[in-house]
PDB file of N, CA and C in Angstrom:
ATOM      1  N   MET A   1     271.035 -46.635 159.768  1.00  0.00           N
ATOM      2  CA  MET A   1     270.235 -45.443 159.977  1.00  0.00           C
ATOM      3  C   MET A   1     270.175 -45.169 161.477  1.00  0.00           C
ATOM      4  N   ARG A   2     270.272 -43.900 161.836  1.00  0.00           N
ATOM      5  CA  ARG A   2     270.215 -43.486 163.249  1.00  0.00           C
ATOM      6  C   ARG A   2     269.115 -42.448 163.450  1.00  0.00           C
ATOM      7  N   LYS A   3     268.441 -42.543 164.592  1.00  0.00           N
ATOM      8  CA  LYS A   3     267.466 -41.531 164.982  1.00  0.00           C
ATOM      9  C   LYS A   3     268.103 -40.709 166.094  1.00  0.00           C
ATOM     10  N   VAL A   4     268.180 -39.404 165.868  1.00  0.00           N
ATOM     11  CA  VAL A   4     268.732 -38.497 166.864  1.00  0.00           C
ATOM     12  C   VAL A   4     267.571 -37.731 167.494  1.00  0.00           C
ATOM     13  N   LYS A   5     267.459 -37.840 168.813  1.00  0.00           N
ATOM     14  CA  LYS A   5     266.434 -37.112 169.563  1.00  0.00           C
ATOM     15  C   LYS A   5     267.117 -35.924 170.230  1.00  0.00           C
ATOM     16  N   ILE A   6     266.701 -34.721 169.822  1.00  0.00           N
ATOM     17  CA  ILE A   6     267.354 -33.496 170.274  1.00  0.00           C
ATOM     18  C   ILE A   6     266.407 -32.728 171.199  1.00  0.00           C
ATOM     19  N   TYR A   7     266.939 -32.342 172.363  1.00  0.00           N
ATOM     20  CA  TYR A   7     266.185 -31.586 173.359  1.00  0.00           C
ATOM     21  C   TYR A   7     266.848 -30.218 173.515  1.00  0.00           C
ATOM     22  N   ILE A   8     266.065 -29.155 173.317  1.00  0.00           N
ATOM     23  CA  ILE A   8     266.597 -27.799 173.418  1.00  0.00           C
ATOM     24  C   ILE A   8     265.829 -27.067 174.517  1.00  0.00           C
ATOM     25  N   THR A   9     266.572 -26.496 175.448  1.00  0.00           N
ATOM     26  CA  THR A   9     265.958 -25.776 176.567  1.00  0.00           C
ATOM     27  C   THR A   9     266.638 -24.423 176.731  1.00  0.00           C
ATOM     28  N   LEU A  10     265.902 -23.494 177.328  1.00  0.00           N
ATOM     29  CA  LEU A  10     266.500 -22.202 177.642  1.00  0.00           C
ATOM     30  C   LEU A  10     267.531 -22.381 178.746  1.00  0.00           C
ATOM     31  N   LYS A  11     268.611 -21.613 178.660  1.00  0.00           N
ATOM     32  CA  LYS A  11     269.628 -21.660 179.703  1.00  0.00           C
ATOM     33  C   LYS A  11     269.045 -21.162 181.016  1.00  0.00           C
ATOM     34  N   GLU A  12     269.613 -21.647 182.101  1.00  0.00           N
ATOM     35  CA  GLU A  12     269.194 -21.212 183.430  1.00  0.00           C
ATOM     36  C   GLU A  12     269.375 -19.700 183.519  1.00  0.00           C
ATOM     37  N   GLY A  13     268.390 -19.025 184.052  1.00  0.00           N
ATOM     38  CA  GLY A  13     268.472 -17.576 184.199  1.00  0.00           C
ATOM     39  C   GLY A  13     267.850 -16.795 183.048  1.00  0.00           C
ATOM     40  N   VAL A  14     267.559 -17.456 181.924  1.00  0.00           N
ATOM     41  CA  VAL A  14     266.894 -16.791 180.808  1.00  0.00           C
ATOM     42  C   VAL A  14     265.390 -16.817 181.065  1.00  0.00           C
ATOM     43  N   LEU A  15     264.761 -15.649 180.972  1.00  0.00           N
ATOM     44  CA  LEU A  15     263.321 -15.580 181.208  1.00  0.00           C
ATOM     45  C   LEU A  15     262.563 -16.411 180.183  1.00  0.00           C
ATOM     46  N   ASP A  16     261.489 -17.064 180.637  1.00  0.00           N
ATOM     47  CA  ASP A  16     260.682 -17.930 179.782  1.00  0.00           C
ATOM     48  C   ASP A  16     259.219 -17.486 179.845  1.00  0.00           C
ATOM     49  N   PRO A  17     258.836 -16.470 179.045  1.00  0.00           N
ATOM     50  CA  PRO A  17     257.455 -15.989 179.106  1.00  0.00           C
ATOM     51  C   PRO A  17     256.427 -17.045 178.708  1.00  0.00           C
ATOM     52  N   GLN A  18     256.781 -17.929 177.786  1.00  0.00           N
ATOM     53  CA  GLN A  18     255.843 -18.987 177.402  1.00  0.00           C
ATOM     54  C   GLN A  18     255.645 -19.955 178.569  1.00  0.00           C
ATOM     55  N   GLY A  19     256.708 -20.298 179.253  1.00  0.00           N
ATOM     56  CA  GLY A  19     256.595 -21.154 180.433  1.00  0.00           C
ATOM     57  C   GLY A  19     255.751 -20.508 181.518  1.00  0.00           C
ATOM     58  N   LYS A  20     255.925 -19.202 181.710  1.00  0.00           N
ATOM     59  CA  LYS A  20     255.136 -18.477 182.714  1.00  0.00           C
ATOM     60  C   LYS A  20     253.657 -18.482 182.334  1.00  0.00           C
ATOM     61  N   ALA A  21     253.340 -18.332 181.043  1.00  0.00           N
ATOM     62  CA  ALA A  21     251.946 -18.365 180.592  1.00  0.00           C
ATOM     63  C   ALA A  21     251.332 -19.743 180.840  1.00  0.00           C
ATOM     64  N   VAL A  22     252.099 -20.794 180.585  1.00  0.00           N
ATOM     65  CA  VAL A  22     251.602 -22.154 180.841  1.00  0.00           C
ATOM     66  C   VAL A  22     251.378 -22.348 182.341  1.00  0.00           C
ATOM     67  N   GLN A  23     252.311 -21.873 183.140  1.00  0.00           N
ATOM     68  CA  GLN A  23     252.167 -21.987 184.596  1.00  0.00           C
ATOM     69  C   GLN A  23     250.904 -21.270 185.069  1.00  0.00           C
ATOM     70  N   ASN A  24     250.676 -20.062 184.579  1.00  0.00           N
ATOM     71  CA  ASN A  24     249.476 -19.314 184.970  1.00  0.00           C
ATOM     72  C   ASN A  24     248.202 -20.046 184.543  1.00  0.00           C
ATOM     73  N   SER A  25     248.226 -20.637 183.365  1.00  0.00           N
ATOM     74  CA  SER A  25     247.063 -21.398 182.895  1.00  0.00           C
ATOM     75  C   SER A  25     246.815 -22.624 183.766  1.00  0.00           C
ATOM     76  N   LEU A  26     247.886 -23.304 184.145  1.00  0.00           N
ATOM     77  CA  LEU A  26     247.732 -24.455 185.030  1.00  0.00           C
ATOM     78  C   LEU A  26     247.163 -24.031 186.379  1.00  0.00           C
ATOM     79  N   HIS A  27     247.612 -22.890 186.894  1.00  0.00           N
ATOM     80  CA  HIS A  27     247.066 -22.382 188.152  1.00  0.00           C
ATOM     81  C   HIS A  27     245.579 -22.064 188.008  1.00  0.00           C
ATOM     82  N   SER A  28     245.180 -21.511 186.864  1.00  0.00           N
ATOM     83  CA  SER A  28     243.766 -21.189 186.665  1.00  0.00           C
ATOM     84  C   SER A  28     242.912 -22.458 186.584  1.00  0.00           C
ATOM     85  N   LEU A  29     243.549 -23.581 186.242  1.00  0.00           N
ATOM     86  CA  LEU A  29     242.859 -24.876 186.233  1.00  0.00           C
ATOM     87  C   LEU A  29     242.984 -25.581 187.587  1.00  0.00           C
ATOM     88  N   GLU A  30     243.472 -24.836 188.578  1.00  0.00           N
ATOM     89  CA  GLU A  30     243.599 -25.288 189.960  1.00  0.00           C
ATOM     90  C   GLU A  30     244.705 -26.318 190.193  1.00  0.00           C
ATOM     91  N   TYR A  31     245.715 -26.304 189.333  1.00  0.00           N
ATOM     92  CA  TYR A  31     246.928 -27.085 189.593  1.00  0.00           C
ATOM     93  C   TYR A  31     247.900 -26.164 190.330  1.00  0.00           C
ATOM     94  N   ASN A  32     247.549 -25.846 191.559  1.00  0.00           N
ATOM     95  CA  ASN A  32     248.277 -24.838 192.312  1.00  0.00           C
ATOM     96  C   ASN A  32     249.615 -25.322 192.862  1.00  0.00           C
ATOM     97  N   ASN A  33     249.878 -26.606 192.771  1.00  0.00           N
ATOM     98  CA  ASN A  33     251.154 -27.121 193.251  1.00  0.00           C
ATOM     99  C   ASN A  33     252.260 -26.975 192.202  1.00  0.00           C
ATOM    100  N   VAL A  34     251.946 -26.463 191.004  1.00  0.00           N
ATOM    101  CA  VAL A  34     252.961 -26.226 189.971  1.00  0.00           C
ATOM    102  C   VAL A  34     253.725 -24.960 190.345  1.00  0.00           C
ATOM    103  N   SER A  35     255.035 -25.094 190.531  1.00  0.00           N
ATOM    104  CA  SER A  35     255.820 -23.942 190.971  1.00  0.00           C
ATOM    105  C   SER A  35     256.642 -23.305 189.849  1.00  0.00           C
ATOM    106  N   ASP A  36     256.874 -24.029 188.761  1.00  0.00           N
ATOM    107  CA  ASP A  36     257.645 -23.454 187.655  1.00  0.00           C
ATOM    108  C   ASP A  36     257.432 -24.304 186.405  1.00  0.00           C
ATOM    109  N   VAL A  37     257.389 -23.655 185.261  1.00  0.00           N
ATOM    110  CA  VAL A  37     257.289 -24.349 183.976  1.00  0.00           C
ATOM    111  C   VAL A  37     258.322 -23.738 183.036  1.00  0.00           C
ATOM    112  N   ARG A  38     259.085 -24.585 182.385  1.00  0.00           N
ATOM    113  CA  ARG A  38     260.033 -24.150 181.362  1.00  0.00           C
ATOM    114  C   ARG A  38     259.636 -24.867 180.078  1.00  0.00           C
ATOM    115  N   VAL A  39     259.518 -24.125 178.999  1.00  0.00           N
ATOM    116  CA  VAL A  39     259.119 -24.687 177.714  1.00  0.00           C
ATOM    117  C   VAL A  39     260.360 -24.830 176.844  1.00  0.00           C
ATOM    118  N   GLY A  40     260.468 -25.959 176.162  1.00  0.00           N
ATOM    119  CA  GLY A  40     261.601 -26.203 175.280  1.00  0.00           C
ATOM    120  C   GLY A  40     261.141 -26.756 173.949  1.00  0.00           C
ATOM    121  N   LYS A  41     262.094 -27.284 173.206  1.00  0.00           N
ATOM    122  CA  LYS A  41     261.808 -27.867 171.897  1.00  0.00           C
ATOM    123  C   LYS A  41     262.345 -29.298 171.857  1.00  0.00           C
ATOM    124  N   TYR A  42     261.672 -30.130 171.089  1.00  0.00           N
ATOM    125  CA  TYR A  42     262.091 -31.509 170.888  1.00  0.00           C
ATOM    126  C   TYR A  42     262.060 -31.782 169.395  1.00  0.00           C
ATOM    127  N   MET A  43     263.104 -32.388 168.868  1.00  0.00           N
ATOM    128  CA  MET A  43     263.177 -32.713 167.448  1.00  0.00           C
ATOM    129  C   MET A  43     263.716 -34.128 167.269  1.00  0.00           C
ATOM    130  N   GLU A  44     263.287 -34.772 166.201  1.00  0.00           N
ATOM    131  CA  GLU A  44     263.867 -36.053 165.791  1.00  0.00           C
ATOM    132  C   GLU A  44     264.446 -35.882 164.402  1.00  0.00           C
ATOM    133  N   VAL A  45     265.686 -36.313 164.239  1.00  0.00           N
ATOM    134  CA  VAL A  45     266.372 -36.216 162.954  1.00  0.00           C
ATOM    135  C   VAL A  45     266.867 -37.612 162.592  1.00  0.00           C
ATOM    136  N   MET A  46     266.547 -38.049 161.397  1.00  0.00           N
ATOM    137  CA  MET A  46     267.038 -39.337 160.909  1.00  0.00           C
ATOM    138  C   MET A  46     268.295 -39.083 160.082  1.00  0.00           C
ATOM    139  N   LEU A  47     269.368 -39.817 160.393  1.00  0.00           N
ATOM    140  CA  LEU A  47     270.641 -39.644 159.704  1.00  0.00           C
ATOM    141  C   LEU A  47     271.187 -40.984 159.253  1.00  0.00           C
ATOM    142  N   GLU A  48     271.837 -40.966 158.114  1.00  0.00           N
ATOM    143  CA  GLU A  48     272.577 -42.141 157.680  1.00  0.00           C
ATOM    144  C   GLU A  48     273.722 -42.375 158.671  1.00  0.00           C
ATOM    145  N   ASP A  49     274.059 -43.603 158.898  1.00  0.00           N
ATOM    146  CA  ASP A  49     275.095 -43.965 159.856  1.00  0.00           C
ATOM    147  C   ASP A  49     276.469 -43.547 159.331  1.00  0.00           C
ATOM    148  N   THR A  50     277.159 -42.679 160.084  1.00  0.00           N
ATOM    149  CA  THR A  50     278.516 -42.248 159.738  1.00  0.00           C
ATOM    150  C   THR A  50     279.367 -42.239 160.996  1.00  0.00           C
ATOM    151  N   LYS A  51     280.677 -42.174 160.812  1.00  0.00           N
ATOM    152  CA  LYS A  51     281.594 -42.173 161.955  1.00  0.00           C
ATOM    153  C   LYS A  51     281.504 -40.893 162.770  1.00  0.00           C
ATOM    154  N   ASP A  52     281.214 -39.785 162.114  1.00  0.00           N
ATOM    155  CA  ASP A  52     281.232 -38.491 162.786  1.00  0.00           C
ATOM    156  C   ASP A  52     279.833 -37.955 163.093  1.00  0.00           C
ATOM    157  N   ILE A  53     278.908 -38.842 163.401  1.00  0.00           N
ATOM    158  CA  ILE A  53     277.513 -38.439 163.594  1.00  0.00           C
ATOM    159  C   ILE A  53     277.374 -37.441 164.745  1.00  0.00           C
ATOM    160  N   GLU A  54     278.107 -37.619 165.841  1.00  0.00           N
ATOM    161  CA  GLU A  54     278.013 -36.694 166.970  1.00  0.00           C
ATOM    162  C   GLU A  54     278.508 -35.311 166.585  1.00  0.00           C
ATOM    163  N   GLN A  55     279.591 -35.251 165.826  1.00  0.00           N
ATOM    164  CA  GLN A  55     280.100 -33.953 165.365  1.00  0.00           C
ATOM    165  C   GLN A  55     279.088 -33.274 164.448  1.00  0.00           C
ATOM    166  N   GLN A  56     278.427 -34.044 163.588  1.00  0.00           N
ATOM    167  CA  GLN A  56     277.414 -33.479 162.703  1.00  0.00           C
ATOM    168  C   GLN A  56     276.241 -32.911 163.500  1.00  0.00           C
ATOM    169  N   VAL A  57     275.788 -33.661 164.492  1.00  0.00           N
ATOM    170  CA  VAL A  57     274.650 -33.202 165.297  1.00  0.00           C
ATOM    171  C   VAL A  57     275.031 -31.942 166.072  1.00  0.00           C
ATOM    172  N   ASP A  58     276.217 -31.917 166.668  1.00  0.00           N
ATOM    173  CA  ASP A  58     276.670 -30.715 167.373  1.00  0.00           C
ATOM    174  C   ASP A  58     276.695 -29.514 166.432  1.00  0.00           C
ATOM    175  N   LYS A  59     277.195 -29.709 165.232  1.00  0.00           N
ATOM    176  CA  LYS A  59     277.269 -28.610 164.259  1.00  0.00           C
ATOM    177  C   LYS A  59     275.870 -28.147 163.849  1.00  0.00           C
ATOM    178  N   MET A  60     274.942 -29.098 163.621  1.00  0.00           N
ATOM    179  CA  MET A  60     273.557 -28.733 163.284  1.00  0.00           C
ATOM    180  C   MET A  60     272.936 -27.881 164.386  1.00  0.00           C
ATOM    181  N   CYS A  61     273.133 -28.312 165.622  1.00  0.00           N
ATOM    182  CA  CYS A  61     272.554 -27.588 166.754  1.00  0.00           C
ATOM    183  C   CYS A  61     273.179 -26.202 166.899  1.00  0.00           C
ATOM    184  N   ASP A  62     274.501 -26.118 166.781  1.00  0.00           N
ATOM    185  CA  ASP A  62     275.184 -24.837 166.940  1.00  0.00           C
ATOM    186  C   ASP A  62     274.860 -23.856 165.820  1.00  0.00           C
ATOM    187  N   GLU A  63     274.681 -24.365 164.599  1.00  0.00           N
ATOM    188  CA  GLU A  63     274.480 -23.484 163.451  1.00  0.00           C
ATOM    189  C   GLU A  63     273.022 -23.151 163.161  1.00  0.00           C
ATOM    190  N   LEU A  64     272.083 -24.034 163.551  1.00  0.00           N
ATOM    191  CA  LEU A  64     270.708 -23.806 163.139  1.00  0.00           C
ATOM    192  C   LEU A  64     269.659 -24.130 164.206  1.00  0.00           C
ATOM    193  N   LEU A  65     269.743 -25.291 164.795  1.00  0.00           N
ATOM    194  CA  LEU A  65     268.634 -25.778 165.611  1.00  0.00           C
ATOM    195  C   LEU A  65     268.505 -25.086 166.965  1.00  0.00           C
ATOM    196  N   ALA A  66     269.614 -24.679 167.553  1.00  0.00           N
ATOM    197  CA  ALA A  66     269.584 -24.014 168.858  1.00  0.00           C
ATOM    198  C   ALA A  66     270.282 -22.660 168.752  1.00  0.00           C
ATOM    199  N   ASN A  67     269.898 -21.763 169.630  1.00  0.00           N
ATOM    200  CA  ASN A  67     270.584 -20.479 169.746  1.00  0.00           C
ATOM    201  C   ASN A  67     271.541 -20.603 170.926  1.00  0.00           C
ATOM    202  N   PRO A  68     272.837 -20.804 170.671  1.00  0.00           N
ATOM    203  CA  PRO A  68     273.771 -21.084 171.766  1.00  0.00           C
ATOM    204  C   PRO A  68     273.920 -19.942 172.772  1.00  0.00           C
ATOM    205  N   VAL A  69     273.447 -18.753 172.451  1.00  0.00           N
ATOM    206  CA  VAL A  69     273.530 -17.639 173.385  1.00  0.00           C
ATOM    207  C   VAL A  69     272.535 -17.831 174.535  1.00  0.00           C
ATOM    208  N   ILE A  70     271.328 -18.341 174.219  1.00  0.00           N
ATOM    209  CA  ILE A  70     270.294 -18.454 175.255  1.00  0.00           C
ATOM    210  C   ILE A  70     269.783 -19.874 175.464  1.00  0.00           C
ATOM    211  N   GLU A  71     270.226 -20.831 174.652  1.00  0.00           N
ATOM    212  CA  GLU A  71     269.699 -22.198 174.750  1.00  0.00           C
ATOM    213  C   GLU A  71     270.811 -23.220 174.943  1.00  0.00           C
ATOM    214  N   ASP A  72     270.475 -24.272 175.665  1.00  0.00           N
ATOM    215  CA  ASP A  72     271.319 -25.459 175.790  1.00  0.00           C
ATOM    216  C   ASP A  72     270.654 -26.577 175.002  1.00  0.00           C
ATOM    217  N   TYR A  73     271.436 -27.572 174.604  1.00  0.00           N
ATOM    218  CA  TYR A  73     270.851 -28.716 173.936  1.00  0.00           C
ATOM    219  C   TYR A  73     271.532 -30.004 174.402  1.00  0.00           C
ATOM    220  N   SER A  74     270.785 -31.068 174.292  1.00  0.00           N
ATOM    221  CA  SER A  74     271.326 -32.406 174.528  1.00  0.00           C
ATOM    222  C   SER A  74     270.649 -33.326 173.532  1.00  0.00           C
ATOM    223  N   TYR A  75     271.202 -34.499 173.337  1.00  0.00           N
ATOM    224  CA  TYR A  75     270.605 -35.416 172.382  1.00  0.00           C
ATOM    225  C   TYR A  75     270.988 -36.858 172.706  1.00  0.00           C
ATOM    226  N   THR A  76     270.186 -37.752 172.172  1.00  0.00           N
ATOM    227  CA  THR A  76     270.494 -39.175 172.231  1.00  0.00           C
ATOM    228  C   THR A  76     270.463 -39.701 170.809  1.00  0.00           C
ATOM    229  N   ILE A  77     271.244 -40.723 170.571  1.00  0.00           N
ATOM    230  CA  ILE A  77     271.318 -41.337 169.251  1.00  0.00           C
ATOM    231  C   ILE A  77     270.910 -42.795 169.383  1.00  0.00           C
ATOM    232  N   GLU A  78     269.932 -43.186 168.571  1.00  0.00           N
ATOM    233  CA  GLU A  78     269.440 -44.560 168.599  1.00  0.00           C
ATOM    234  C   GLU A  78     269.609 -45.200 167.238  1.00  0.00           C
ATOM    235  N   GLU A  79     269.910 -46.477 167.244  1.00  0.00           N
ATOM    236  CA  GLU A  79     269.972 -47.225 165.987  1.00  0.00           C
ATOM    237  C   GLU A  79     268.558 -47.609 165.580  1.00  0.00           C
ATOM    238  N   VAL A  80     268.250 -47.408 164.308  1.00  0.00           N
ATOM    239  CA  VAL A  80     266.935 -47.760 163.775  1.00  0.00           C
ATOM    240  C   VAL A  80     267.091 -49.087 163.038  1.00  0.00           C
ATOM    241  N   VAL A  81     266.261 -50.031 163.409  1.00  0.00           N
ATOM    242  CA  VAL A  81     266.358 -51.360 162.803  1.00  0.00           C
ATOM    243  C   VAL A  81     265.472 -51.429 161.577  1.00  0.00           C
TER     244      VAL A  81
END
């Protein structure tokens, strides 16, 4: 069994209104040293161990989990004991 940790972020240059709202809220709480906030997504997927696990994860991300037009993704794969 493998645990895949998937991180999805907006591509550089894509506006992030949710990140801007978080930044403004942090400033209102007097965290004035915060200069930028980008909001992303994090997912964990448990998969049976197969030879093509990386290809499967790439396909999942490209077809459903991420929007490849505006988002980038990365992931790590861990063995579950």
